[in-house]
PDB file of all heavy atoms in Angstrom:
ATOM      1  N   LYS A   1     -11.630  -6.774   5.279  1.00  0.00           N
ATOM      2  CA  LYS A   1     -11.384  -6.703   3.835  1.00  0.00           C
ATOM      3  C   LYS A   1     -12.376  -7.592   3.088  1.00  0.00           C
ATOM      4  O   LYS A   1     -12.913  -7.206   2.034  1.00  0.00           O
ATOM      5  CB  LYS A   1      -9.951  -7.119   3.523  1.00  0.00           C
ATOM      6  CG  LYS A   1      -9.589  -7.052   2.059  1.00  0.00           C
ATOM      7  CD  LYS A   1      -8.148  -7.465   1.828  1.00  0.00           C
ATOM      8  CE  LYS A   1      -7.782  -7.416   0.339  1.00  0.00           C
ATOM      9  NZ  LYS A   1      -6.371  -7.818   0.105  1.00  0.00           N
ATOM     10  N   GLY A   2     -12.625  -8.788   3.614  1.00  0.00           N
ATOM     11  CA  GLY A   2     -13.591  -9.683   2.984  1.00  0.00           C
ATOM     12  C   GLY A   2     -14.988  -9.099   2.980  1.00  0.00           C
ATOM     13  O   GLY A   2     -15.709  -9.172   1.972  1.00  0.00           O
ATOM     14  N   PHE A   3     -15.376  -8.497   4.107  1.00  0.00           N
ATOM     15  CA  PHE A   3     -16.685  -7.859   4.181  1.00  0.00           C
ATOM     16  C   PHE A   3     -16.782  -6.705   3.181  1.00  0.00           C
ATOM     17  O   PHE A   3     -17.842  -6.480   2.574  1.00  0.00           O
ATOM     18  CB  PHE A   3     -16.941  -7.343   5.594  1.00  0.00           C
ATOM     19  CG  PHE A   3     -17.265  -8.425   6.594  1.00  0.00           C
ATOM     20  CD1 PHE A   3     -17.280  -8.152   7.954  1.00  0.00           C
ATOM     21  CD2 PHE A   3     -17.567  -9.716   6.180  1.00  0.00           C
ATOM     22  CE1 PHE A   3     -17.581  -9.139   8.878  1.00  0.00           C
ATOM     23  CE2 PHE A   3     -17.877 -10.713   7.099  1.00  0.00           C
ATOM     24  CZ  PHE A   3     -17.878 -10.425   8.451  1.00  0.00           C
ATOM     25  N   ALA A   4     -15.698  -5.959   3.031  1.00  0.00           N
ATOM     26  CA  ALA A   4     -15.692  -4.836   2.095  1.00  0.00           C
ATOM     27  C   ALA A   4     -15.928  -5.324   0.669  1.00  0.00           C
ATOM     28  O   ALA A   4     -16.663  -4.696  -0.110  1.00  0.00           O
ATOM     29  CB  ALA A   4     -14.367  -4.081   2.188  1.00  0.00           C
ATOM     30  N   THR A   5     -15.327  -6.449   0.328  1.00  0.00           N
ATOM     31  CA  THR A   5     -15.519  -7.019  -1.009  1.00  0.00           C
ATOM     32  C   THR A   5     -16.959  -7.451  -1.226  1.00  0.00           C
ATOM     33  O   THR A   5     -17.559  -7.207  -2.287  1.00  0.00           O
ATOM     34  CB  THR A   5     -14.574  -8.216  -1.213  1.00  0.00           C
ATOM     35  OG1 THR A   5     -13.223  -7.801  -0.998  1.00  0.00           O
ATOM     36  CG2 THR A   5     -14.711  -8.778  -2.611  1.00  0.00           C
ATOM     37  N   VAL A   6     -17.548  -8.097  -0.222  1.00  0.00           N
ATOM     38  CA  VAL A   6     -18.946  -8.535  -0.313  1.00  0.00           C
ATOM     39  C   VAL A   6     -19.874  -7.328  -0.445  1.00  0.00           C
ATOM     40  O   VAL A   6     -20.819  -7.330  -1.252  1.00  0.00           O
ATOM     41  CB  VAL A   6     -19.321  -9.367   0.929  1.00  0.00           C
ATOM     42  CG1 VAL A   6     -20.819  -9.675   0.941  1.00  0.00           C
ATOM     43  CG2 VAL A   6     -18.513 -10.655   0.971  1.00  0.00           C
ATOM     44  N   LEU A   7     -19.606  -6.291   0.341  1.00  0.00           N
ATOM     45  CA  LEU A   7     -20.436  -5.087   0.279  1.00  0.00           C
ATOM     46  C   LEU A   7     -20.322  -4.424  -1.088  1.00  0.00           C
ATOM     47  O   LEU A   7     -21.317  -3.920  -1.624  1.00  0.00           O
ATOM     48  CB  LEU A   7     -20.022  -4.114   1.382  1.00  0.00           C
ATOM     49  CG  LEU A   7     -20.848  -2.833   1.497  1.00  0.00           C
ATOM     50  CD1 LEU A   7     -22.309  -3.160   1.805  1.00  0.00           C
ATOM     51  CD2 LEU A   7     -20.277  -1.921   2.588  1.00  0.00           C
ATOM     52  N   ALA A   8     -19.121  -4.439  -1.653  1.00  0.00           N
ATOM     53  CA  ALA A   8     -18.924  -3.842  -2.972  1.00  0.00           C
ATOM     54  C   ALA A   8     -19.754  -4.554  -4.029  1.00  0.00           C
ATOM     55  O   ALA A   8     -20.333  -3.926  -4.931  1.00  0.00           O
ATOM     56  CB  ALA A   8     -17.439  -3.869  -3.341  1.00  0.00           C
ATOM     57  N   GLU A   9     -19.841  -5.873  -3.953  1.00  0.00           N
ATOM     58  CA  GLU A   9     -20.643  -6.639  -4.909  1.00  0.00           C
ATOM     59  C   GLU A   9     -22.127  -6.290  -4.781  1.00  0.00           C
ATOM     60  O   GLU A   9     -22.837  -6.169  -5.790  1.00  0.00           O
ATOM     61  CB  GLU A   9     -20.432  -8.133  -4.681  1.00  0.00           C
ATOM     62  CG  GLU A   9     -19.017  -8.614  -4.995  1.00  0.00           C
ATOM     63  CD  GLU A   9     -18.809 -10.076  -4.651  1.00  0.00           C
ATOM     64  OE1 GLU A   9     -19.745 -10.679  -4.071  1.00  0.00           O
ATOM     65  OE2 GLU A   9     -17.726 -10.617  -4.940  1.00  0.00           O
ATOM     66  N   ALA A  10     -22.565  -6.116  -3.548  1.00  0.00           N
ATOM     67  CA  ALA A  10     -23.972  -5.767  -3.337  1.00  0.00           C
ATOM     68  C   ALA A  10     -24.277  -4.372  -3.876  1.00  0.00           C
ATOM     69  O   ALA A  10     -25.339  -4.141  -4.466  1.00  0.00           O
ATOM     70  CB  ALA A  10     -24.307  -5.851  -1.847  1.00  0.00           C
ATOM     71  N   VAL A  11     -23.349  -3.442  -3.677  1.00  0.00           N
ATOM     72  CA  VAL A  11     -23.550  -2.072  -4.180  1.00  0.00           C
ATOM     73  C   VAL A  11     -23.550  -2.065  -5.701  1.00  0.00           C
ATOM     74  O   VAL A  11     -24.318  -1.337  -6.345  1.00  0.00           O
ATOM     75  CB  VAL A  11     -22.457  -1.133  -3.629  1.00  0.00           C
ATOM     76  CG1 VAL A  11     -22.541   0.236  -4.288  1.00  0.00           C
ATOM     77  CG2 VAL A  11     -22.585  -0.992  -2.114  1.00  0.00           C
ATOM     78  N   SER A  12     -22.694  -2.880  -6.303  1.00  0.00           N
ATOM     79  CA  SER A  12     -22.619  -2.941  -7.766  1.00  0.00           C
ATOM     80  C   SER A  12     -23.938  -3.373  -8.377  1.00  0.00           C
ATOM     81  O   SER A  12     -24.271  -2.992  -9.502  1.00  0.00           O
ATOM     82  CB  SER A  12     -21.507  -3.902  -8.197  1.00  0.00           C
ATOM     83  OG  SER A  12     -20.245  -3.455  -7.738  1.00  0.00           O
ATOM     84  N   SER A  13     -24.699  -4.177  -7.652  1.00  0.00           N
ATOM     85  CA  SER A  13     -26.000  -4.630  -8.167  1.00  0.00           C
ATOM     86  C   SER A  13     -26.984  -3.479  -8.317  1.00  0.00           C
ATOM     87  O   SER A  13     -28.008  -3.621  -8.989  1.00  0.00           O
ATOM     88  CB  SER A  13     -26.592  -5.696  -7.231  1.00  0.00           C
ATOM     89  OG  SER A  13     -26.897  -5.134  -5.958  1.00  0.00           O
ATOM     90  N   LEU A  14     -26.683  -2.334  -7.679  1.00  0.00           N
ATOM     91  CA  LEU A  14     -27.536  -1.152  -7.804  1.00  0.00           C
ATOM     92  C   LEU A  14     -27.097  -0.264  -8.958  1.00  0.00           C
ATOM     93  O   LEU A  14     -27.616   0.850  -9.119  1.00  0.00           O
ATOM     94  CB  LEU A  14     -27.508  -0.339  -6.495  1.00  0.00           C
ATOM     95  CG  LEU A  14     -27.946  -1.052  -5.214  1.00  0.00           C
ATOM     96  CD1 LEU A  14     -27.820  -0.115  -4.028  1.00  0.00           C
ATOM     97  CD2 LEU A  14     -29.369  -1.567  -5.353  1.00  0.00           C
ATOM     98  N   ASP A  15     -26.109  -0.744  -9.729  1.00  0.00           N
ATOM     99  CA  ASP A  15     -25.550   0.040 -10.843  1.00  0.00           C
ATOM    100  C   ASP A  15     -24.921   1.339 -10.357  1.00  0.00           C
ATOM    101  O   ASP A  15     -25.001   2.376 -11.024  1.00  0.00           O
ATOM    102  CB  ASP A  15     -26.638   0.342 -11.888  1.00  0.00           C
ATOM    103  CG  ASP A  15     -27.112  -0.922 -12.597  1.00  0.00           C
ATOM    104  OD1 ASP A  15     -26.284  -1.837 -12.771  1.00  0.00           O
ATOM    105  OD2 ASP A  15     -28.302  -0.982 -12.950  1.00  0.00           O
ATOM    106  N   LEU A  16     -24.298   1.286  -9.192  1.00  0.00           N
ATOM    107  CA  LEU A  16     -23.584   2.437  -8.640  1.00  0.00           C
ATOM    108  C   LEU A  16     -22.080   2.188  -8.718  1.00  0.00           C
ATOM    109  O   LEU A  16     -21.620   1.073  -8.434  1.00  0.00           O
ATOM    110  CB  LEU A  16     -23.976   2.671  -7.178  1.00  0.00           C
ATOM    111  CG  LEU A  16     -25.337   3.295  -6.898  1.00  0.00           C
ATOM    112  CD1 LEU A  16     -25.606   3.306  -5.398  1.00  0.00           C
ATOM    113  CD2 LEU A  16     -25.414   4.708  -7.452  1.00  0.00           C
ATOM    114  N   PRO A  17     -21.311   3.196  -9.089  1.00  0.00           N
ATOM    115  CA  PRO A  17     -19.852   3.048  -9.052  1.00  0.00           C
ATOM    116  C   PRO A  17     -19.393   2.793  -7.616  1.00  0.00           C
ATOM    117  O   PRO A  17     -19.889   3.419  -6.674  1.00  0.00           O
ATOM    118  CB  PRO A  17     -19.343   4.402  -9.558  1.00  0.00           C
ATOM    119  CG  PRO A  17     -20.492   5.007 -10.289  1.00  0.00           C
ATOM    120  CD  PRO A  17     -21.717   4.511  -9.600  1.00  0.00           C
ATOM    121  N   VAL A  18     -18.470   1.874  -7.438  1.00  0.00           N
ATOM    122  CA  VAL A  18     -18.011   1.538  -6.093  1.00  0.00           C
ATOM    123  C   VAL A  18     -16.499   1.382  -6.093  1.00  0.00           C
ATOM    124  O   VAL A  18     -15.906   0.888  -7.062  1.00  0.00           O
ATOM    125  CB  VAL A  18     -18.698   0.238  -5.586  1.00  0.00           C
ATOM    126  CG1 VAL A  18     -18.377  -0.924  -6.494  1.00  0.00           C
ATOM    127  CG2 VAL A  18     -18.300  -0.067  -4.156  1.00  0.00           C
ATOM    128  N   ALA A  19     -15.857   1.833  -5.025  1.00  0.00           N
ATOM    129  CA  ALA A  19     -14.411   1.699  -4.865  1.00  0.00           C
ATOM    130  C   ALA A  19     -14.130   1.138  -3.485  1.00  0.00           C
ATOM    131  O   ALA A  19     -14.727   1.571  -2.490  1.00  0.00           O
ATOM    132  CB  ALA A  19     -13.721   3.050  -5.033  1.00  0.00           C
ATOM    133  N   VAL A  20     -13.236   0.140  -3.419  1.00  0.00           N
ATOM    134  CA  VAL A  20     -12.816  -0.446  -2.149  1.00  0.00           C
ATOM    135  C   VAL A  20     -11.416   0.057  -1.841  1.00  0.00           C
ATOM    136  O   VAL A  20     -10.493  -0.094  -2.651  1.00  0.00           O
ATOM    137  CB  VAL A  20     -12.836  -1.985  -2.216  1.00  0.00           C
ATOM    138  CG1 VAL A  20     -12.367  -2.576  -0.893  1.00  0.00           C
ATOM    139  CG2 VAL A  20     -14.235  -2.481  -2.560  1.00  0.00           C
ATOM    140  N   ILE A  21     -11.257   0.685  -0.671  1.00  0.00           N
ATOM    141  CA  ILE A  21     -10.012   1.385  -0.349  1.00  0.00           C
ATOM    142  C   ILE A  21      -9.450   0.889   0.981  1.00  0.00           C
ATOM    143  O   ILE A  21     -10.162   0.881   1.994  1.00  0.00           O
ATOM    144  CB  ILE A  21     -10.246   2.906  -0.275  1.00  0.00           C
ATOM    145  CG1 ILE A  21     -10.816   3.424  -1.607  1.00  0.00           C
ATOM    146  CG2 ILE A  21      -8.954   3.640   0.072  1.00  0.00           C
ATOM    147  CD1 ILE A  21     -11.292   4.853  -1.555  1.00  0.00           C
ATOM    148  N   ASN A  22      -8.190   0.512   0.970  1.00  0.00           N
ATOM    149  CA  ASN A  22      -7.480   0.146   2.192  1.00  0.00           C
ATOM    150  C   ASN A  22      -7.064   1.427   2.900  1.00  0.00           C
ATOM    151  O   ASN A  22      -6.395   2.285   2.316  1.00  0.00           O
ATOM    152  CB  ASN A  22      -6.251  -0.699   1.843  1.00  0.00           C
ATOM    153  CG  ASN A  22      -5.547  -1.236   3.082  1.00  0.00           C
ATOM    154  OD1 ASN A  22      -5.841  -0.841   4.217  1.00  0.00           O
ATOM    155  ND2 ASN A  22      -4.604  -2.141   2.877  1.00  0.00           N
ATOM    156  N   LEU A  23      -7.462   1.592   4.148  1.00  0.00           N
ATOM    157  CA  LEU A  23      -7.146   2.814   4.877  1.00  0.00           C
ATOM    158  C   LEU A  23      -5.642   3.041   5.012  1.00  0.00           C
ATOM    159  O   LEU A  23      -5.205   4.175   5.209  1.00  0.00           O
ATOM    160  CB  LEU A  23      -7.791   2.780   6.266  1.00  0.00           C
ATOM    161  CG  LEU A  23      -9.310   2.996   6.288  1.00  0.00           C
ATOM    162  CD1 LEU A  23      -9.856   2.779   7.697  1.00  0.00           C
ATOM    163  CD2 LEU A  23      -9.666   4.392   5.793  1.00  0.00           C
ATOM    164  N   LYS A  24      -4.859   1.995   4.901  1.00  0.00           N
ATOM    165  CA  LYS A  24      -3.406   2.142   4.985  1.00  0.00           C
ATOM    166  C   LYS A  24      -2.871   2.948   3.820  1.00  0.00           C
ATOM    167  O   LYS A  24      -1.860   3.645   3.939  1.00  0.00           O
ATOM    168  CB  LYS A  24      -2.746   0.763   5.027  1.00  0.00           C
ATOM    169  CG  LYS A  24      -1.240   0.807   5.221  1.00  0.00           C
ATOM    170  CD  LYS A  24      -0.654  -0.590   5.315  1.00  0.00           C
ATOM    171  CE  LYS A  24       0.864  -0.524   5.580  1.00  0.00           C
ATOM    172  NZ  LYS A  24       1.448  -1.886   5.697  1.00  0.00           N
ATOM    173  N   GLU A  25      -3.545   2.870   2.684  1.00  0.00           N
ATOM    174  CA  GLU A  25      -3.096   3.555   1.476  1.00  0.00           C
ATOM    175  C   GLU A  25      -3.858   4.849   1.226  1.00  0.00           C
ATOM    176  O   GLU A  25      -3.709   5.467   0.174  1.00  0.00           O
ATOM    177  CB  GLU A  25      -3.268   2.618   0.272  1.00  0.00           C
ATOM    178  CG  GLU A  25      -2.511   1.309   0.423  1.00  0.00           C
ATOM    179  CD  GLU A  25      -2.914   0.288  -0.619  1.00  0.00           C
ATOM    180  OE1 GLU A  25      -3.857   0.585  -1.394  1.00  0.00           O
ATOM    181  OE2 GLU A  25      -2.298  -0.793  -0.662  1.00  0.00           O
ATOM    182  N   TYR A  26      -4.646   5.263   2.198  1.00  0.00           N
ATOM    183  CA  TYR A  26      -5.507   6.441   2.019  1.00  0.00           C
ATOM    184  C   TYR A  26      -4.984   7.597   2.854  1.00  0.00           C
ATOM    185  O   TYR A  26      -4.664   7.433   4.036  1.00  0.00           O
ATOM    186  CB  TYR A  26      -6.932   6.098   2.435  1.00  0.00           C
ATOM    187  CG  TYR A  26      -7.942   7.197   2.209  1.00  0.00           C
ATOM    188  CD1 TYR A  26      -8.400   7.497   0.935  1.00  0.00           C
ATOM    189  CD2 TYR A  26      -8.446   7.927   3.279  1.00  0.00           C
ATOM    190  CE1 TYR A  26      -9.341   8.496   0.722  1.00  0.00           C
ATOM    191  CE2 TYR A  26      -9.385   8.921   3.085  1.00  0.00           C
ATOM    192  CZ  TYR A  26      -9.828   9.206   1.799  1.00  0.00           C
ATOM    193  OH  TYR A  26     -10.751  10.197   1.602  1.00  0.00           O
ATOM    194  N   ASP A  27      -4.877   8.775   2.250  1.00  0.00           N
ATOM    195  CA  ASP A  27      -4.394   9.963   2.938  1.00  0.00           C
ATOM    196  C   ASP A  27      -5.578  10.875   3.254  1.00  0.00           C
ATOM    197  O   ASP A  27      -6.054  11.600   2.383  1.00  0.00           O
ATOM    198  CB  ASP A  27      -3.382  10.709   2.070  1.00  0.00           C
ATOM    199  CG  ASP A  27      -2.686  11.839   2.836  1.00  0.00           C
ATOM    200  OD1 ASP A  27      -3.167  12.182   3.929  1.00  0.00           O
ATOM    201  OD2 ASP A  27      -1.672  12.355   2.341  1.00  0.00           O
ATOM    202  N   PRO A  28      -6.089  10.862   4.474  1.00  0.00           N
ATOM    203  CA  PRO A  28      -7.267  11.684   4.795  1.00  0.00           C
ATOM    204  C   PRO A  28      -6.987  13.173   4.699  1.00  0.00           C
ATOM    205  O   PRO A  28      -7.881  13.955   4.384  1.00  0.00           O
ATOM    206  CB  PRO A  28      -7.601  11.269   6.239  1.00  0.00           C
ATOM    207  CG  PRO A  28      -6.311  10.749   6.796  1.00  0.00           C
ATOM    208  CD  PRO A  28      -5.605  10.111   5.647  1.00  0.00           C
ATOM    209  N   ASP A  29      -5.755  13.572   4.954  1.00  0.00           N
ATOM    210  CA  ASP A  29      -5.417  14.988   4.896  1.00  0.00           C
ATOM    211  C   ASP A  29      -5.605  15.545   3.498  1.00  0.00           C
ATOM    212  O   ASP A  29      -5.937  16.716   3.318  1.00  0.00           O
ATOM    213  CB  ASP A  29      -3.967  15.177   5.344  1.00  0.00           C
ATOM    214  CG  ASP A  29      -3.702  16.577   5.855  1.00  0.00           C
ATOM    215  OD1 ASP A  29      -4.645  17.195   6.373  1.00  0.00           O
ATOM    216  OD2 ASP A  29      -2.562  17.056   5.730  1.00  0.00           O
ATOM    217  N   ASP A  30      -5.390  14.700   2.494  1.00  0.00           N
ATOM    218  CA  ASP A  30      -5.522  15.128   1.105  1.00  0.00           C
ATOM    219  C   ASP A  30      -6.908  14.882   0.537  1.00  0.00           C
ATOM    220  O   ASP A  30      -7.450  15.721  -0.185  1.00  0.00           O
ATOM    221  CB  ASP A  30      -4.503  14.390   0.225  1.00  0.00           C
ATOM    222  CG  ASP A  30      -3.102  14.940   0.383  1.00  0.00           C
ATOM    223  OD1 ASP A  30      -2.945  15.922   1.116  1.00  0.00           O
ATOM    224  OD2 ASP A  30      -2.175  14.367  -0.202  1.00  0.00           O
ATOM    225  N   HIS A  31      -7.487  13.720   0.852  1.00  0.00           N
ATOM    226  CA  HIS A  31      -8.637  13.250   0.084  1.00  0.00           C
ATOM    227  C   HIS A  31      -9.972  13.251   0.821  1.00  0.00           C
ATOM    228  O   HIS A  31     -11.014  13.299   0.167  1.00  0.00           O
ATOM    229  CB  HIS A  31      -8.359  11.834  -0.438  1.00  0.00           C
ATOM    230  CG  HIS A  31      -7.125  11.742  -1.291  1.00  0.00           C
ATOM    231  ND1 HIS A  31      -6.985  12.452  -2.456  1.00  0.00           N
ATOM    232  CD2 HIS A  31      -5.975  11.035  -1.127  1.00  0.00           C
ATOM    233  CE1 HIS A  31      -5.805  12.184  -2.996  1.00  0.00           C
ATOM    234  NE2 HIS A  31      -5.173  11.330  -2.211  1.00  0.00           N
ATOM    235  N   LEU A  32      -9.970  13.174   2.147  1.00  0.00           N
ATOM    236  CA  LEU A  32     -11.249  13.039   2.846  1.00  0.00           C
ATOM    237  C   LEU A  32     -12.123  14.266   2.633  1.00  0.00           C
ATOM    238  O   LEU A  32     -13.343  14.154   2.463  1.00  0.00           O
ATOM    239  CB  LEU A  32     -11.017  12.804   4.339  1.00  0.00           C
ATOM    240  CG  LEU A  32     -12.272  12.453   5.156  1.00  0.00           C
ATOM    241  CD1 LEU A  32     -12.945  11.208   4.597  1.00  0.00           C
ATOM    242  CD2 LEU A  32     -11.919  12.238   6.620  1.00  0.00           C
ATOM    243  N   VAL A  33     -11.511  15.440   2.616  1.00  0.00           N
ATOM    244  CA  VAL A  33     -12.289  16.664   2.446  1.00  0.00           C
ATOM    245  C   VAL A  33     -12.891  16.754   1.046  1.00  0.00           C
ATOM    246  O   VAL A  33     -13.853  17.494   0.816  1.00  0.00           O
ATOM    247  CB  VAL A  33     -11.401  17.891   2.748  1.00  0.00           C
ATOM    248  CG1 VAL A  33     -10.396  18.130   1.627  1.00  0.00           C
ATOM    249  CG2 VAL A  33     -12.235  19.142   2.983  1.00  0.00           C
ATOM    250  N   GLU A  34     -12.351  15.977   0.087  1.00  0.00           N
ATOM    251  CA  GLU A  34     -12.914  15.976  -1.256  1.00  0.00           C
ATOM    252  C   GLU A  34     -14.338  15.420  -1.264  1.00  0.00           C
ATOM    253  O   GLU A  34     -15.138  15.737  -2.150  1.00  0.00           O
ATOM    254  CB  GLU A  34     -12.030  15.146  -2.194  1.00  0.00           C
ATOM    255  CG  GLU A  34     -10.642  15.729  -2.413  1.00  0.00           C
ATOM    256  CD  GLU A  34      -9.759  14.818  -3.250  1.00  0.00           C
ATOM    257  OE1 GLU A  34     -10.256  13.733  -3.647  1.00  0.00           O
ATOM    258  OE2 GLU A  34      -8.606  15.180  -3.503  1.00  0.00           O
ATOM    259  N   GLU A  35     -14.647  14.586  -0.279  1.00  0.00           N
ATOM    260  CA  GLU A  35     -15.976  13.988  -0.214  1.00  0.00           C
ATOM    261  C   GLU A  35     -17.047  15.002   0.161  1.00  0.00           C
ATOM    262  O   GLU A  35     -18.241  14.723   0.049  1.00  0.00           O
ATOM    263  CB  GLU A  35     -15.982  12.839   0.796  1.00  0.00           C
ATOM    264  CG  GLU A  35     -14.973  11.737   0.502  1.00  0.00           C
ATOM    265  CD  GLU A  35     -15.161  11.130  -0.873  1.00  0.00           C
ATOM    266  OE1 GLU A  35     -16.316  10.945  -1.285  1.00  0.00           O
ATOM    267  OE2 GLU A  35     -14.149  10.860  -1.542  1.00  0.00           O
ATOM    268  N   VAL A  36     -16.623  16.190   0.618  1.00  0.00           N
ATOM    269  CA  VAL A  36     -17.586  17.215   1.026  1.00  0.00           C
ATOM    270  C   VAL A  36     -18.472  17.618  -0.141  1.00  0.00           C
ATOM    271  O   VAL A  36     -19.684  17.793  -0.001  1.00  0.00           O
ATOM    272  CB  VAL A  36     -16.845  18.449   1.596  1.00  0.00           C
ATOM    273  CG1 VAL A  36     -17.801  19.609   1.790  1.00  0.00           C
ATOM    274  CG2 VAL A  36     -16.181  18.095   2.924  1.00  0.00           C
ATOM    275  N   THR A  37     -17.880  17.798  -1.314  1.00  0.00           N
ATOM    276  CA  THR A  37     -18.630  18.271  -2.474  1.00  0.00           C
ATOM    277  C   THR A  37     -19.107  17.138  -3.380  1.00  0.00           C
ATOM    278  O   THR A  37     -19.779  17.390  -4.373  1.00  0.00           O
ATOM    279  CB  THR A  37     -17.767  19.240  -3.295  1.00  0.00           C
ATOM    280  OG1 THR A  37     -16.534  18.596  -3.656  1.00  0.00           O
ATOM    281  CG2 THR A  37     -17.451  20.487  -2.476  1.00  0.00           C
ATOM    282  N   SER A  38     -18.729  15.913  -3.059  1.00  0.00           N
ATOM    283  CA  SER A  38     -19.159  14.784  -3.889  1.00  0.00           C
ATOM    284  C   SER A  38     -20.527  14.297  -3.437  1.00  0.00           C
ATOM    285  O   SER A  38     -21.036  14.686  -2.400  1.00  0.00           O
ATOM    286  CB  SER A  38     -18.149  13.636  -3.790  1.00  0.00           C
ATOM    287  OG  SER A  38     -18.256  12.996  -2.530  1.00  0.00           O
ATOM    288  N   LYS A  39     -21.110  13.452  -4.247  1.00  0.00           N
ATOM    289  CA  LYS A  39     -22.393  12.844  -3.892  1.00  0.00           C
ATOM    290  C   LYS A  39     -22.201  11.398  -3.456  1.00  0.00           C
ATOM    291  O   LYS A  39     -23.135  10.597  -3.491  1.00  0.00           O
ATOM    292  CB  LYS A  39     -23.352  12.905  -5.086  1.00  0.00           C
ATOM    293  CG  LYS A  39     -23.758  14.316  -5.490  1.00  0.00           C
ATOM    294  CD  LYS A  39     -24.582  14.989  -4.415  1.00  0.00           C
ATOM    295  CE  LYS A  39     -25.031  16.370  -4.857  1.00  0.00           C
ATOM    296  NZ  LYS A  39     -25.843  17.045  -3.819  1.00  0.00           N
ATOM    297  N   ASN A  40     -20.984  11.081  -3.047  1.00  0.00           N
ATOM    298  CA  ASN A  40     -20.685   9.714  -2.625  1.00  0.00           C
ATOM    299  C   ASN A  40     -21.232   9.431  -1.232  1.00  0.00           C
ATOM    300  O   ASN A  40     -21.446  10.345  -0.428  1.00  0.00           O
ATOM    301  CB  ASN A  40     -19.176   9.475  -2.615  1.00  0.00           C
ATOM    302  CG  ASN A  40     -18.576   9.484  -4.005  1.00  0.00           C
ATOM    303  OD1 ASN A  40     -19.232   9.086  -4.964  1.00  0.00           O
ATOM    304  ND2 ASN A  40     -17.343   9.939  -4.127  1.00  0.00           N
ATOM    305  N   VAL A  41     -21.406   8.168  -0.961  1.00  0.00           N
ATOM    306  CA  VAL A  41     -21.658   7.681   0.399  1.00  0.00           C
ATOM    307  C   VAL A  41     -20.453   6.837   0.784  1.00  0.00           C
ATOM    308  O   VAL A  41     -20.029   5.968   0.021  1.00  0.00           O
ATOM    309  CB  VAL A  41     -22.948   6.857   0.481  1.00  0.00           C
ATOM    310  CG1 VAL A  41     -23.075   6.200   1.858  1.00  0.00           C
ATOM    311  CG2 VAL A  41     -24.160   7.733   0.209  1.00  0.00           C
ATOM    312  N   SER A  42     -19.889   7.114   1.947  1.00  0.00           N
ATOM    313  CA  SER A  42     -18.693   6.405   2.401  1.00  0.00           C
ATOM    314  C   SER A  42     -19.066   5.401   3.484  1.00  0.00           C
ATOM    315  O   SER A  42     -19.750   5.742   4.453  1.00  0.00           O
ATOM    316  CB  SER A  42     -17.656   7.398   2.945  1.00  0.00           C
ATOM    317  OG  SER A  42     -17.269   8.319   1.942  1.00  0.00           O
ATOM    318  N   ALA A  43     -18.617   4.174   3.302  1.00  0.00           N
ATOM    319  CA  ALA A  43     -18.832   3.131   4.304  1.00  0.00           C
ATOM    320  C   ALA A  43     -17.485   2.762   4.920  1.00  0.00           C
ATOM    321  O   ALA A  43     -16.511   2.530   4.197  1.00  0.00           O
ATOM    322  CB  ALA A  43     -19.475   1.904   3.671  1.00  0.00           C
ATOM    323  N   PHE A  44     -17.423   2.744   6.242  1.00  0.00           N
ATOM    324  CA  PHE A  44     -16.182   2.440   6.953  1.00  0.00           C
ATOM    325  C   PHE A  44     -16.347   1.113   7.696  1.00  0.00           C
ATOM    326  O   PHE A  44     -17.192   0.996   8.586  1.00  0.00           O
ATOM    327  CB  PHE A  44     -15.838   3.557   7.932  1.00  0.00           C
ATOM    328  CG  PHE A  44     -15.512   4.864   7.270  1.00  0.00           C
ATOM    329  CD1 PHE A  44     -16.515   5.778   6.974  1.00  0.00           C
ATOM    330  CD2 PHE A  44     -14.207   5.189   6.924  1.00  0.00           C
ATOM    331  CE1 PHE A  44     -16.228   6.988   6.354  1.00  0.00           C
ATOM    332  CE2 PHE A  44     -13.908   6.383   6.309  1.00  0.00           C
ATOM    333  CZ  PHE A  44     -14.915   7.283   6.020  1.00  0.00           C
ATOM    334  N   LEU A  45     -15.542   0.144   7.323  1.00  0.00           N
ATOM    335  CA  LEU A  45     -15.533  -1.165   7.968  1.00  0.00           C
ATOM    336  C   LEU A  45     -14.221  -1.280   8.726  1.00  0.00           C
ATOM    337  O   LEU A  45     -13.156  -1.483   8.136  1.00  0.00           O
ATOM    338  CB  LEU A  45     -15.657  -2.287   6.933  1.00  0.00           C
ATOM    339  CG  LEU A  45     -17.066  -2.621   6.406  1.00  0.00           C
ATOM    340  CD1 LEU A  45     -17.706  -1.412   5.750  1.00  0.00           C
ATOM    341  CD2 LEU A  45     -17.011  -3.778   5.434  1.00  0.00           C
TER     342      LEU A  45
END
C-alpha cells in the first residue's frame, strides 16, 4: 500500500490521472474487462 502511494505521486508528476485501488474492494468480474477499451495502464503491486 505504501509503495502504491509513492508510485501514485510519481505518476501525478506526469500530469496523468491516477487511482489507487485496494484489490479487496475491487470486483474483477465487473470492472477488469472495462480496461480493454480504455487507454489506462494498470500497475499491480
